[in-house]
Structure formats: structure tokens, C-alpha cells
Amino acid sequence: MRRKGKRNYDDPIRHPDHSRPRTRRDFLAQGFILGGASVLGGVSLSLAPGRSVALSGDLAPLVAQCGIATQGAGKIPFICFDLAGGSSQAGSNVLVGQRGGQLDFLSTMGYERQGLPGDMIPPILNPATGTNDFIDTTLGLAFHSDSAFLRGMMTKLSPATAANINGAVIPARSENDTGNNPHNPMYGIARAGADGSLLTLIGSENSDSGGNSMAPAHLIDLTIRPTKVDRPSDVTGLVDVGDLVSVLNQSDAVAVMESIYRISDQKMNSVNNGQTITSDDVVRDLVKCGYLKSADLAERFGNPATLDPAGDPEIVGPAGIFSDVEFNQSGRDSSEFRKTASVMKMVINGFAGAGTVEMGGYDYHGGRRAEGEVKDFRAGQCMGACLEYAARIGMPLMLYVMSDGSLSSNGAIDNTADGRGKGEWSSDNSSTAATFFLVYNPSRRPTIIGATPEEQARHQQIGYMRPDGSVETAATPAAGNVNLLAETIVLNYMALHGENGAFPGLFGGNLGNAAMQDSLTAFEPIVNGTIDSPT
């Protein structure tokens, strides 16, 4: 068959077997528009490693009374990658096996379905080394050694960071090419106790989830509906302390607003003069707290550089995770890097607690394998950047990767340089879908639950696939129900804090009894309830 010339992989994808895109989600999945980023403030670990200005001593005790969060709930930062369109997760990226775990191998046909030709499947031993060259456990979780996700991550991760990462994979069906999959777990993360000092929910679009996939309806709390953020200027524009900081220096601006607070307080106290609390008193209290909150904002965020990811030398620059060229040039790569940096800056520093990075164009079947490899590699770079930044700040991180549906290969091989001799993606296929998460712990690699290697393998792969490479939907509650997949992620988030025993009281019995919930949990706790602020 005659091939067309190499296309620009970031051009829109036009599938003849798909209807014309009509919704924002359709446009995003097929690459007609860029994905945005959402920051979900559910967890605040601190505001910054130190404060240059502090509220006066007589006002500091009133901060809590006015509902001003200073360090939040102290939960582990959580970042989710929402790859719109149905990307390849299982086999070609993260290995997924049968009942015995990732290395309980599938059939050759099963791996071919997942895009791996017979000479690249995990069971093959290299006779020269006596080892399996197609399995890589550098990050704890077993990836295919030529995984584009893994290759991208390793361009950003230091060896020390990689040594303290572990992960788990969840084989689970989800529908193809639709935003109606209730994948997004962020409201559940907030319900689990996460809280933010600056933000509650921010999203890339005007939707209840703030991302491409929906949130489970029973978890949605519209009082914290997302607001849009998808670039560094959106981050620095989140806080407006008025003109005072431009006219005065930051210390003077804080002093002025504190003075306004005291004057208002004195006048209102003189009016009240010991009377019982009335509705008027409530209004006065709101006014007083308004001034105090303004002073607190000026104290912490009067200098926009506090929030700016582009000005953080750990993120951009000679010693940064992204070079100046990577971050500032035009093109899709830099756009995704700037978006990712905005989210990780907010979340990992504790300005927000959880964030969704939405990336479009992952409905990449119907052409050469090369397109999927290039896009997966870019997504891996963004994932690796988040994990590396957590290491540099000294914070733990849970990173979750999901997509709406998946795809399969018909065995045709793409031997181009970018195609890497792998199977072409020929069609959508929800039965090959899986999600996975990685956990970084500053002190040591997270420990998989289980007293034996066999038990640990079953906890590192929650559920399993059939030999033909399709999800066994009876394996777990999450395997055939995306609502319960989102709850499973929240359960694992709580377990990292040692709080999974509180899950039924917050979310009910959808995930079964305690024994079932234990089987759906991957890691031993890495913190005891809360964690300290960044060091």
C-alpha cells in the first residue's frame, strides 16, 4: 500500500470512521485544539519554604478565625494526566499480565493486540545476556523497556529520584472517544480531606470536572467547581491584591491593610459595645475578615514571582528541569511543558493540592505507529518533570495517568525511525484499556503490600487481563465500572496516608468489604496522616 509522506503529528487527526468533531472533547481528542491544565485545590502543604513578610503578632491568631488557610490539610500532592482520545497504556507502555501480576505473561497474540510484535514481547530472553531485555523496573512498576512514556520520563528524572518511585497498574475498561467516562477523581481527593490555602478547583474548561473526562456524579461538589488555568500567566493572575503593591512595597501594603482592619475593628466594637451577636454582627465580621484576608494575600502573594513557574530556577533555566529553549519556544512541546509547569508549581509547593494536566490528540490510531510514540514520549517528559520537581522540593507525589478508552493493533509494523518497529494502531478498543499511578517518596521507594513476591505482584497489578490482551471485567469492581475506578484511586490515595480505614464512612460500600478494599490497595503508607511543609 502506498504511503503518504510523514505528516506533522500535531496536526488534527481526521479519522474516516469517526463523525466530524462537534464538542470540545471531540476537538481535543483529535488534536484540533490543545488541552489545558487544571489545578484542583484539595491539598495545601505550605505556601512556600519561607515568608518574606509576616502578619503582625496581634493579628496572626485571627487568621484561623477568619477561615484563612495557612498550611492546609498537609496531604500528599496529587497530579492527574488526562490523555484525551484513548491512548495506549497497557503492554506497549506499562506491562499488564494475567492473574499472577505484570510478569504473568499474555499470549503472543495478546501482546500483538497491544502493539508489540513477536520479537519485542516481554517473555523473550536475550540469549547473549540471559535476561529479558524488554522489561524495565527502574521505576519499580514494570514498563516495556522501549515504552515511550518511560523514555520520556527518564529524560527528566535523576537516578536518585527514579530510585524512590514505585507504581501500580489497574486494568479497567472505559469507553472510547468520549468525555462521558467519569474518570476524574479530584472531588474524591478533596472529600478525603484535601484542602488548599489559595485554590479549591481550577480547570482547563468550563465543566464540572475541569478536564476532558467527567467526574463521578456522586462525588461532585459544585461549591468548588473548577476555574480555568492553563499557562503561567493564569497562575500569576490568580491573586489580585489591587494597586497597593504597585504603589507601595510589599511590607507597606500589608501594613496599610492591617491598619484598615484595626480601624474597622475598633469602630465596629464601639458600635457593638458588648451586645449579643446579631445578623449585623455577622456582616461586620465578614467585612473585618475581608480586610484581613486581603492583608494575608498581600503578605504571601504580593510578589507575583512567588507563584510564577517561569521564574522558578528549579523549573526553567540552566539547572532547571526544562531548558529555556524547551520552555519558551513556540510549538506544541513548549505549550505542554508550560502547562505542566504551571500545575506542578502550584500543587507541589502547596498553593493547590491536586491538579489535572489535560493533553489532547491521543486518538492516534489509523496511521503510522510513529505518531503515538512521539505523543507518548512528550507525555512522559511531562510526567517525569512533575516527579523530578517533587524530588527537588522534597515532597511526596502521587501521579495518576488515565485516558478515555484505548486502541489495538492489527499486526502491521511501522519500521520508520519514530515507529521503532512496533505495531501500528489500527482501531479504538476499550477492552485493552488500563490506568496506572506512580508514587514518589523522598525518603525511600514506596513499599508494595504483601509478605511474598507473589502477593506483592497481585497488589502492584490491581486486576488482570485475559491471555488475548483484553481486560477481565470480573477481576475487580473497577475493571468494568469507571466510577469505581475513580474511587479505587481515591482509596489508594488515602492508603498512602494510612487513612483507608475511613474510606467506607466517606464513600460508602461501593468497593466492597474491608478484605476487598485491601485487595484494591497497592502501597503501605508513606506518611502518617499528614506531612510537613516543603523543606
Protein backbone atom coordinates (compact mmCIF):
# COMPACT_ATOMS: atom_id res chain seq x y z
CA MET A 1 0.00 0.00 0.00
CA ARG A 2 1.33 3.37 -0.98
CA ARG A 3 2.17 5.57 1.99
CA LYS A 4 1.69 9.30 2.24
CA GLY A 5 4.63 11.41 3.33
CA LYS A 6 5.32 11.95 7.01
CA ARG A 7 2.64 14.15 8.48
CA ASN A 8 3.03 16.69 11.24
CA TYR A 9 1.96 14.66 14.26
CA ASP A 10 0.44 17.72 15.92
CA ASP A 11 -1.90 18.39 13.00
CA PRO A 12 -5.54 17.47 13.69
CA ILE A 13 -6.41 13.77 13.32
CA ARG A 14 -9.15 13.13 10.75
CA HIS A 15 -10.43 9.55 11.02
CA PRO A 16 -12.72 8.45 8.17
CA ASP A 17 -14.59 6.14 10.55
CA HIS A 18 -15.30 8.97 13.05
CA SER A 19 -18.02 11.57 12.73
CA ARG A 20 -16.97 15.18 12.45
CA PRO A 21 -15.97 16.64 15.84
CA ARG A 22 -18.82 18.60 17.40
CA THR A 23 -17.98 19.01 21.08
CA ARG A 24 -14.93 20.45 22.77
CA ARG A 25 -13.97 16.94 23.85
CA ASP A 26 -14.10 15.70 20.24
CA PHE A 27 -11.86 18.56 19.12
CA LEU A 28 -9.43 17.87 21.97
CA ALA A 29 -9.18 14.11 21.41
CA GLN A 30 -8.46 14.54 17.70
CA GLY A 31 -5.93 17.31 18.26
CA PHE A 32 -7.90 20.23 16.76
CA ILE A 33 -7.32 22.18 19.99
CA LEU A 34 -4.77 21.99 22.78
CA GLY A 35 -5.61 20.52 26.15
CA GLY A 36 -5.47 22.77 29.16
CA ALA A 37 -4.45 22.22 32.73
CA SER A 38 -6.48 22.13 35.85
CA VAL A 39 -5.35 22.68 39.38
CA LEU A 40 -7.58 21.17 41.99
CA GLY A 41 -7.00 22.63 45.37
CA GLY A 42 -7.67 19.87 47.69
CA VAL A 43 -4.39 19.75 49.44
CA SER A 44 -2.12 22.51 50.67
CA LEU A 45 1.16 21.51 52.23
CA SER A 46 2.51 25.00 52.66
CA LEU A 47 2.68 28.23 50.78
CA ALA A 48 6.41 28.48 50.31
CA PRO A 49 9.58 27.37 52.07
CA GLY A 50 9.64 30.75 53.86
CA ARG A 51 7.79 34.03 54.17
CA SER A 52 9.39 37.39 53.48
CA VAL A 53 6.61 39.25 55.29
CA ALA A 54 4.54 38.22 58.30
CA LEU A 55 1.26 39.43 59.75
CA SER A 56 1.59 41.45 62.95
CA GLY A 57 1.59 39.34 66.08
CA ASP A 58 -1.75 40.64 67.31
CA LEU A 59 -3.44 39.67 64.03
CA ALA A 60 -1.86 36.28 63.48
CA PRO A 61 -4.21 34.44 65.91
CA LEU A 62 -7.22 35.80 63.97
CA VAL A 63 -6.16 34.09 60.74
CA ALA A 64 -7.86 30.81 61.66
CA GLN A 65 -10.95 32.64 62.94
CA CYS A 66 -11.38 34.23 59.51
CA GLY A 67 -11.00 30.89 57.72
CA ILE A 68 -7.63 31.71 56.16
CA ALA A 69 -5.75 28.51 55.38
CA THR A 70 -2.04 28.66 56.09
CA GLN A 71 -0.80 25.12 55.64
CA GLY A 72 -3.94 23.28 54.64
CA ALA A 73 -4.50 19.63 55.43
CA GLY A 74 -0.93 18.50 54.84
CA LYS A 75 -1.85 15.80 52.33
CA ILE A 76 0.28 14.28 49.59
CA PRO A 77 0.17 16.33 46.36
CA PHE A 78 -1.81 14.64 43.60
CA ILE A 79 -1.43 15.23 39.84
CA CYS A 80 -3.52 13.53 37.17
CA PHE A 81 -2.72 13.26 33.45
CA ASP A 82 -5.87 13.10 31.32
CA LEU A 83 -4.80 11.93 27.82
CA ALA A 84 -7.85 12.71 25.69
CA GLY A 85 -8.75 10.35 22.87
CA GLY A 86 -7.77 6.87 24.06
CA SER A 87 -4.02 6.38 24.40
CA SER A 88 -2.07 3.12 24.71
CA GLN A 89 -1.37 2.39 28.37
CA ALA A 90 -1.09 -1.41 28.56
CA GLY A 91 1.63 -3.54 27.02
CA SER A 92 3.49 -1.03 24.90
CA ASN A 93 3.91 1.25 27.93
CA VAL A 94 3.10 -0.38 31.29
CA LEU A 95 3.16 -4.18 31.26
CA VAL A 96 -0.12 -5.87 32.21
CA GLY A 97 -0.34 -9.61 32.77
CA GLN A 98 -2.69 -12.34 33.91
CA ARG A 99 -3.76 -13.29 37.46
CA GLY A 100 -0.20 -13.52 38.75
CA GLY A 101 0.65 -9.91 38.01
CA GLN A 102 2.58 -7.96 35.42
CA LEU A 103 5.03 -10.76 34.66
CA ASP A 104 2.37 -13.48 34.35
CA PHE A 105 2.71 -13.12 30.61
CA LEU A 106 -0.03 -12.87 27.99
CA SER A 107 -0.07 -14.82 24.73
CA THR A 108 1.91 -13.61 21.73
CA MET A 109 -1.43 -12.66 20.14
CA GLY A 110 -2.35 -10.67 23.24
CA TYR A 111 0.84 -8.62 23.06
CA GLU A 112 0.41 -8.15 19.30
CA ARG A 113 -3.02 -6.70 20.02
CA GLN A 114 -1.30 -4.24 22.38
CA GLY A 115 1.12 -3.15 19.66
CA LEU A 116 4.13 -5.38 20.37
CA PRO A 117 5.45 -7.62 17.56
CA GLY A 118 6.60 -11.15 18.39
CA ASP A 119 10.27 -10.16 18.57
CA MET A 120 9.62 -7.47 21.22
CA ILE A 121 7.31 -9.24 23.67
CA PRO A 122 8.25 -9.49 27.39
CA PRO A 123 8.66 -13.30 27.63
CA ILE A 124 11.58 -13.35 25.19
CA LEU A 125 15.03 -13.86 26.72
CA ASN A 126 18.12 -12.39 25.13
CA PRO A 127 20.47 -15.36 24.64
CA ALA A 128 23.51 -13.06 24.84
CA THR A 129 22.63 -11.80 28.33
CA GLY A 130 20.34 -14.50 29.67
CA THR A 131 17.95 -11.77 30.79
CA ASN A 132 14.76 -10.24 29.47
CA ASP A 133 15.67 -7.02 27.68
CA PHE A 134 12.07 -5.94 27.20
CA ILE A 135 11.21 -5.48 30.90
CA ASP A 136 12.32 -2.36 32.75
CA THR A 137 11.70 -1.95 36.51
CA THR A 138 13.76 1.20 37.01
CA LEU A 139 10.66 2.91 38.47
CA GLY A 140 9.51 -0.12 40.47
CA LEU A 141 6.49 -0.66 38.24
CA ALA A 142 7.37 -2.85 35.23
CA PHE A 143 7.35 -0.98 31.90
CA HIS A 144 8.20 -2.29 28.46
CA SER A 145 11.84 -1.30 28.04
CA ASP A 146 11.00 0.71 24.90
CA SER A 147 7.93 2.38 26.44
CA ALA A 148 7.59 5.93 25.11
CA PHE A 149 6.22 7.03 28.48
CA LEU A 150 9.28 5.58 30.21
CA ARG A 151 11.76 7.03 27.71
CA GLY A 152 10.17 10.46 28.15
CA MET A 153 10.20 10.28 31.93
CA MET A 154 13.83 9.24 32.07
CA THR A 155 14.88 12.40 30.19
CA LYS A 156 13.70 14.42 33.22
CA LEU A 157 14.37 12.11 36.17
CA SER A 158 17.64 11.93 38.06
CA PRO A 159 18.79 8.44 39.14
CA ALA A 160 18.16 9.38 42.79
CA THR A 161 14.57 10.39 42.04
CA ALA A 162 13.91 7.26 40.00
CA ALA A 163 15.15 5.10 42.88
CA ASN A 164 12.40 6.47 45.15
CA ILE A 165 9.47 5.88 42.76
CA ASN A 166 7.12 2.92 42.62
CA GLY A 167 3.77 2.35 40.95
CA ALA A 168 0.74 0.19 40.25
CA VAL A 169 -1.41 -0.54 37.18
CA ILE A 170 -5.18 -1.11 37.02
CA PRO A 171 -6.60 -2.97 34.01
CA ALA A 172 -10.05 -1.41 33.53
CA ARG A 173 -12.35 -0.79 30.57
CA SER A 174 -13.53 2.69 29.64
CA GLU A 175 -15.45 3.87 26.60
CA ASN A 176 -13.64 5.22 23.55
CA ASP A 177 -13.67 8.82 22.32
CA THR A 178 -16.00 10.23 24.92
CA GLY A 179 -15.82 12.59 27.84
CA ASN A 180 -18.66 10.67 29.48
CA ASN A 181 -16.23 8.40 31.31
CA PRO A 182 -16.33 9.53 34.96
CA HIS A 183 -12.57 9.10 35.29
CA ASN A 184 -11.63 12.26 37.17
CA PRO A 185 -11.08 11.51 40.91
CA MET A 186 -10.38 15.06 42.10
CA TYR A 187 -13.60 15.69 44.01
CA GLY A 188 -12.94 12.42 45.83
CA ILE A 189 -9.43 13.57 46.68
CA ALA A 190 -10.93 16.73 48.19
CA ARG A 191 -13.53 14.73 50.12
CA ALA A 192 -10.74 12.58 51.53
CA GLY A 193 -9.56 15.62 53.49
CA ALA A 194 -7.55 17.63 50.99
CA ASP A 195 -7.79 21.40 51.28
CA GLY A 196 -5.99 24.31 49.70
CA SER A 197 -4.64 27.58 51.00
CA LEU A 198 -5.22 29.51 47.77
CA LEU A 199 -7.41 27.42 45.44
CA THR A 200 -10.19 24.91 45.59
CA LEU A 201 -10.73 23.76 41.98
CA ILE A 202 -9.32 25.10 38.71
CA GLY A 203 -9.86 23.51 35.30
CA SER A 204 -8.99 23.78 31.64
CA GLU A 205 -12.58 24.11 30.51
CA ASN A 206 -15.93 25.23 31.84
CA SER A 207 -17.00 21.79 33.01
CA ASP A 208 -17.83 20.23 36.33
CA SER A 209 -14.57 18.25 36.29
CA GLY A 210 -12.32 20.91 34.80
CA GLY A 211 -10.87 18.36 32.38
CA ASN A 212 -11.81 16.12 29.44
CA SER A 213 -13.28 13.18 31.36
CA MET A 214 -16.16 13.69 33.73
CA ALA A 215 -16.05 13.33 37.50
CA PRO A 216 -18.30 10.69 39.11
CA ALA A 217 -21.65 12.43 39.63
CA HIS A 218 -21.97 11.26 43.23
CA LEU A 219 -18.66 12.92 44.14
CA ILE A 220 -19.27 16.33 42.55
CA ASP A 221 -19.48 19.32 44.89
CA LEU A 222 -20.50 22.37 42.85
CA THR A 223 -19.35 24.72 45.61
CA ILE A 224 -15.81 24.00 44.44
CA ARG A 225 -16.45 23.94 40.67
CA PRO A 226 -13.22 24.50 38.69
CA THR A 227 -11.93 27.79 37.29
CA LYS A 228 -9.68 27.79 34.21
CA VAL A 229 -5.85 27.80 34.37
CA ASP A 230 -3.59 26.61 31.54
CA ARG A 231 -0.43 28.79 31.43
CA PRO A 232 1.99 30.61 33.76
CA SER A 233 0.21 33.96 33.30
CA ASP A 234 -3.00 32.36 34.56
CA VAL A 235 -1.15 31.23 37.68
CA THR A 236 0.36 34.63 38.44
CA GLY A 237 -3.03 36.22 37.75
CA LEU A 238 -4.84 34.13 40.33
CA VAL A 239 -4.20 36.65 43.10
CA ASP A 240 -5.01 40.34 42.77
CA VAL A 241 -4.12 42.48 45.77
CA GLY A 242 -5.07 45.67 43.97
CA ASP A 243 -2.84 48.66 43.31
CA LEU A 244 -1.29 48.88 46.76
CA VAL A 245 1.65 46.61 45.94
CA SER A 246 2.45 48.57 42.78
CA VAL A 247 2.43 51.87 44.71
CA LEU A 248 3.99 50.65 47.96
CA ASN A 249 6.41 47.86 48.67
CA GLN A 250 5.03 44.55 49.89
CA SER A 251 5.66 45.25 53.61
CA ASP A 252 3.98 48.64 53.41
CA ALA A 253 0.97 47.21 51.58
CA VAL A 254 0.46 44.62 54.28
CA ALA A 255 0.79 47.28 56.98
CA VAL A 256 -1.84 49.50 55.30
CA MET A 257 -4.39 46.71 55.09
CA GLU A 258 -3.71 45.63 58.66
CA SER A 259 -4.30 49.21 59.72
CA ILE A 260 -7.62 49.27 57.83
CA TYR A 261 -8.57 46.07 59.61
CA ARG A 262 -7.81 47.56 63.05
CA ILE A 263 -9.71 50.78 62.35
CA SER A 264 -12.73 48.80 61.15
CA ASP A 265 -12.45 46.53 64.15
CA GLN A 266 -12.35 49.43 66.62
CA LYS A 267 -15.33 51.20 65.03
CA MET A 268 -17.43 48.05 64.95
CA ASN A 269 -16.54 47.16 68.53
CA SER A 270 -17.55 50.63 69.70
CA VAL A 271 -20.92 50.23 67.99
CA ASN A 272 -21.48 46.75 69.31
CA ASN A 273 -20.34 47.59 72.87
CA GLY A 274 -20.88 44.18 74.37
CA GLN A 275 -24.27 43.42 72.83
CA THR A 276 -25.27 39.89 71.87
CA ILE A 277 -24.43 38.71 68.35
CA THR A 278 -26.95 39.76 65.68
CA SER A 279 -27.14 39.44 61.91
CA ASP A 280 -25.47 42.85 61.73
CA ASP A 281 -22.56 41.44 63.71
CA VAL A 282 -22.15 38.72 61.11
CA VAL A 283 -21.88 41.35 58.37
CA ARG A 284 -19.32 43.27 60.39
CA ASP A 285 -17.32 40.09 60.90
CA LEU A 286 -17.32 39.42 57.17
CA VAL A 287 -16.08 42.96 56.48
CA LYS A 288 -13.30 42.68 59.06
CA CYS A 289 -12.21 39.29 57.75
CA GLY A 290 -12.26 40.66 54.21
CA TYR A 291 -9.61 43.21 55.13
CA LEU A 292 -7.59 40.62 56.99
CA LYS A 293 -7.73 38.21 54.06
CA SER A 294 -6.54 40.99 51.77
CA ALA A 295 -3.61 41.61 54.07
CA ASP A 296 -2.85 37.89 54.12
CA LEU A 297 -2.92 37.72 50.32
CA ALA A 298 -0.57 40.69 50.04
CA GLU A 299 1.75 39.08 52.57
CA ARG A 300 2.00 35.79 50.74
CA PHE A 301 1.40 36.65 47.10
CA GLY A 302 2.06 40.36 46.72
CA ASN A 303 5.20 39.39 44.85
CA PRO A 304 3.99 37.58 41.69
CA ALA A 305 7.30 35.67 41.50
CA THR A 306 6.05 33.58 44.43
CA LEU A 307 3.70 31.75 42.05
CA ASP A 308 5.42 32.12 38.69
CA PRO A 309 6.67 28.76 37.32
CA ALA A 310 8.67 30.54 34.60
CA GLY A 311 10.71 32.31 37.29
CA ASP A 312 11.48 29.18 39.32
CA PRO A 313 15.12 28.14 38.60
CA GLU A 314 14.29 24.55 39.53
CA ILE A 315 11.77 24.50 36.67
CA VAL A 316 13.33 26.69 33.94
CA GLY A 317 16.96 27.58 33.26
CA PRO A 318 20.47 26.13 33.16
CA ALA A 319 19.83 23.90 36.18
CA GLY A 320 16.08 23.62 35.65
CA ILE A 321 14.00 20.64 34.62
CA PHE A 322 13.17 22.43 31.36
CA SER A 323 15.76 24.40 29.40
CA ASP A 324 14.95 27.94 28.31
CA VAL A 325 14.55 26.68 24.74
CA GLU A 326 12.20 23.85 25.73
CA PHE A 327 10.05 26.15 27.81
CA ASN A 328 9.93 29.33 25.73
CA GLN A 329 9.98 28.32 22.07
CA SER A 330 6.79 28.16 20.01
CA GLY A 331 5.20 24.80 19.27
CA ARG A 332 3.25 22.01 20.93
CA ASP A 333 6.09 20.71 23.11
CA SER A 334 6.66 24.04 24.85
CA SER A 335 2.94 24.62 25.26
CA GLU A 336 2.57 21.30 27.08
CA PHE A 337 5.69 21.96 29.15
CA ARG A 338 4.42 25.39 30.26
CA LYS A 339 1.05 23.87 31.16
CA THR A 340 2.66 21.08 33.16
CA ALA A 341 4.98 23.50 34.93
CA SER A 342 2.02 25.66 35.96
CA VAL A 343 0.28 22.71 37.56
CA MET A 344 3.30 21.20 39.29
CA LYS A 345 4.41 24.57 40.66
CA MET A 346 1.01 25.13 42.24
CA VAL A 347 0.45 21.62 43.53
CA ILE A 348 3.86 20.54 44.77
CA ASN A 349 4.55 23.82 46.55
CA GLY A 350 1.21 23.57 48.30
CA PHE A 351 -0.51 26.58 46.69
CA ALA A 352 -3.02 23.97 45.47
CA GLY A 353 -3.34 20.34 46.33
CA ALA A 354 -4.22 18.35 43.24
CA GLY A 355 -4.09 19.10 39.56
CA THR A 356 -5.19 17.70 36.22
CA VAL A 357 -2.95 18.11 33.18
CA GLU A 358 -5.18 17.59 30.16
CA MET A 359 -3.38 16.68 26.91
CA GLY A 360 -5.15 16.29 23.56
CA GLY A 361 -4.58 14.35 20.35
CA TYR A 362 -4.39 10.83 21.83
CA ASP A 363 -6.92 9.35 19.41
CA TYR A 364 -3.89 8.44 17.28
CA HIS A 365 -4.96 5.23 15.55
CA GLY A 366 -5.37 4.77 11.80
CA GLY A 367 -1.85 5.81 10.82
CA ARG A 368 1.76 5.05 11.50
CA ARG A 369 2.77 3.97 14.99
CA ALA A 370 5.21 6.88 14.99
CA GLU A 371 2.55 9.44 15.90
CA GLY A 372 1.59 7.64 19.09
CA GLU A 373 5.23 7.15 20.05
CA VAL A 374 6.01 10.86 19.64
CA LYS A 375 2.97 11.96 21.66
CA ASP A 376 3.51 9.37 24.40
CA PHE A 377 7.15 10.44 24.70
CA ARG A 378 6.06 14.06 25.21
CA ALA A 379 3.53 12.99 27.85
CA GLY A 380 6.30 11.01 29.57
CA GLN A 381 8.52 14.09 29.67
CA CYS A 382 5.72 15.98 31.42
CA MET A 383 5.16 13.15 33.91
CA GLY A 384 8.87 12.95 34.64
CA ALA A 385 9.04 16.71 35.17
CA CYS A 386 6.38 16.50 37.89
CA LEU A 387 8.15 13.68 39.70
CA GLU A 388 11.55 15.38 39.46
CA TYR A 389 10.16 18.68 40.73
CA ALA A 390 8.64 16.88 43.72
CA ALA A 391 12.10 15.48 44.47
CA ARG A 392 13.73 18.90 44.24
CA ILE A 393 11.16 20.43 46.58
CA GLY A 394 11.38 17.46 48.93
CA MET A 395 7.71 16.49 48.74
CA PRO A 396 5.99 13.16 48.05
CA LEU A 397 3.72 12.95 45.00
CA MET A 398 1.03 10.64 43.63
CA LEU A 399 0.78 10.86 39.83
CA TYR A 400 -2.19 9.24 38.03
CA VAL A 401 -2.45 8.60 34.25
CA MET A 402 -5.81 7.93 32.57
CA SER A 403 -7.38 8.05 29.11
CA ASP A 404 -10.85 7.59 27.63
CA GLY A 405 -10.68 4.12 26.11
CA SER A 406 -7.71 2.61 24.34
CA LEU A 407 -6.77 1.04 20.99
CA SER A 408 -5.41 -2.07 19.35
CA SER A 409 -3.05 -3.12 16.59
CA ASN A 410 -3.70 -5.44 13.64
CA GLY A 411 -0.08 -6.55 13.48
CA ALA A 412 1.13 -4.26 10.68
CA ILE A 413 4.59 -2.91 11.55
CA ASP A 414 5.84 0.69 11.35
CA ASN A 415 9.56 0.48 10.60
CA THR A 416 10.14 4.23 10.43
CA ALA A 417 12.60 5.77 12.90
CA ASP A 418 9.79 7.10 15.11
CA GLY A 419 7.71 3.93 14.66
CA ARG A 420 10.56 1.86 16.17
CA GLY A 421 9.47 -1.41 14.53
CA LYS A 422 6.24 -1.67 16.55
CA GLY A 423 2.66 -2.48 15.62
CA GLU A 424 0.51 0.23 14.09
CA TRP A 425 -2.62 1.31 15.92
CA SER A 426 -5.50 0.28 13.69
CA SER A 427 -8.64 0.96 15.74
CA ASP A 428 -10.19 2.04 19.01
CA ASN A 429 -10.52 -0.78 21.54
CA SER A 430 -11.87 -0.25 25.02
CA SER A 431 -11.05 -3.82 26.09
CA THR A 432 -7.28 -3.15 26.14
CA ALA A 433 -7.59 -0.13 28.46
CA ALA A 434 -5.72 0.39 31.73
CA THR A 435 -4.69 3.22 34.03
CA PHE A 436 -1.65 3.46 36.27
CA PHE A 437 -0.21 5.60 39.03
CA LEU A 438 3.27 6.36 40.29
CA VAL A 439 4.22 7.42 43.82
CA TYR A 440 7.37 9.34 44.75
CA ASN A 441 8.55 9.27 48.37
CA PRO A 442 11.53 11.48 49.34
CA SER A 443 12.87 9.09 51.97
CA ARG A 444 12.66 5.69 50.22
CA ARG A 445 10.89 3.77 47.48
CA PRO A 446 7.24 3.10 48.47
CA THR A 447 6.64 -0.47 49.62
CA ILE A 448 4.14 -2.70 47.83
CA ILE A 449 1.78 -4.56 50.17
CA GLY A 450 2.44 -8.27 50.56
CA ALA A 451 4.62 -10.67 52.55
CA THR A 452 5.73 -12.64 49.49
CA PRO A 453 6.72 -11.68 45.92
CA GLU A 454 3.54 -13.38 44.68
CA GLU A 455 1.33 -11.24 46.95
CA GLN A 456 3.20 -8.09 46.03
CA ALA A 457 2.73 -8.83 42.32
CA ARG A 458 -1.05 -9.02 42.82
CA HIS A 459 -1.09 -5.68 44.67
CA GLN A 460 1.09 -3.96 42.07
CA GLN A 461 -1.36 -5.03 39.36
CA ILE A 462 -4.90 -4.47 40.64
CA GLY A 463 -6.92 -6.85 38.46
CA TYR A 464 -5.67 -8.68 35.38
CA MET A 465 -6.07 -9.34 31.66
CA ARG A 466 -7.01 -12.44 29.72
CA PRO A 467 -4.31 -14.16 27.60
CA ASP A 468 -5.68 -12.37 24.50
CA GLY A 469 -4.78 -8.96 25.98
CA SER A 470 -8.30 -7.87 26.99
CA VAL A 471 -9.45 -6.78 30.45
CA GLU A 472 -11.04 -9.39 32.69
CA THR A 473 -14.01 -7.30 33.80
CA ALA A 474 -14.89 -9.65 36.67
CA ALA A 475 -11.47 -9.27 38.30
CA THR A 476 -12.21 -6.15 40.39
CA PRO A 477 -15.10 -3.72 40.92
CA ALA A 478 -13.09 -1.14 38.96
CA ALA A 479 -12.45 -3.34 35.90
CA GLY A 480 -15.83 -2.69 34.29
CA ASN A 481 -17.05 0.43 36.11
CA VAL A 482 -15.25 3.74 35.64
CA ASN A 483 -17.00 5.31 38.64
CA LEU A 484 -15.44 2.64 40.83
CA LEU A 485 -12.08 3.07 39.09
CA ALA A 486 -12.05 6.69 40.28
CA GLU A 487 -12.97 5.53 43.80
CA THR A 488 -10.15 2.95 43.70
CA ILE A 489 -7.68 5.76 43.02
CA VAL A 490 -9.05 7.73 45.99
CA LEU A 491 -8.80 4.60 48.17
CA ASN A 492 -5.13 4.25 47.23
CA TYR A 493 -4.54 7.95 47.91
CA MET A 494 -6.00 7.57 51.39
CA ALA A 495 -3.95 4.41 51.97
CA LEU A 496 -0.73 6.36 51.39
CA HIS A 497 -1.70 8.37 54.49
CA GLY A 498 -2.76 5.28 56.48
CA GLU A 499 -6.36 6.51 56.33
CA ASN A 500 -8.00 3.89 54.12
CA GLY A 501 -10.00 2.64 57.10
CA ALA A 502 -12.02 5.85 56.86
CA PHE A 503 -12.95 5.18 53.22
CA PRO A 504 -16.37 3.50 53.82
CA GLY A 505 -17.53 6.34 56.02
CA LEU A 506 -16.75 8.89 53.31
CA PHE A 507 -17.69 6.96 50.17
CA GLY A 508 -19.95 4.08 51.21
CA GLY A 509 -19.62 0.43 50.33
CA ASN A 510 -19.20 0.57 46.55
CA LEU A 511 -15.80 -1.10 46.76
CA GLY A 512 -17.00 -3.98 48.93
CA ASN A 513 -15.91 -5.04 52.40
CA ALA A 514 -12.58 -4.43 54.10
CA ALA A 515 -10.99 -7.52 52.56
CA MET A 516 -11.96 -6.39 49.05
CA GLN A 517 -10.64 -2.88 49.71
CA ASP A 518 -7.36 -4.33 50.93
CA SER A 519 -7.04 -6.26 47.66
CA LEU A 520 -7.52 -3.00 45.74
CA THR A 521 -4.74 -1.21 47.65
CA ALA A 522 -1.18 -1.14 46.34
CA PHE A 523 1.11 0.52 48.90
CA GLU A 524 1.94 0.61 52.55
CA PRO A 525 1.52 4.15 54.00
CA ILE A 526 4.33 6.60 53.28
CA VAL A 527 3.10 9.26 55.73
CA ASN A 528 1.14 9.14 58.95
CA GLY A 529 -1.99 11.17 58.24
CA THR A 530 -0.29 14.46 57.30
CA ILE A 531 3.11 15.60 56.13
CA ASP A 532 5.32 18.53 56.92
CA SER A 533 5.65 21.57 54.70
CA PRO A 534 8.29 21.66 51.92
CA THR A 535 11.89 21.74 53.07
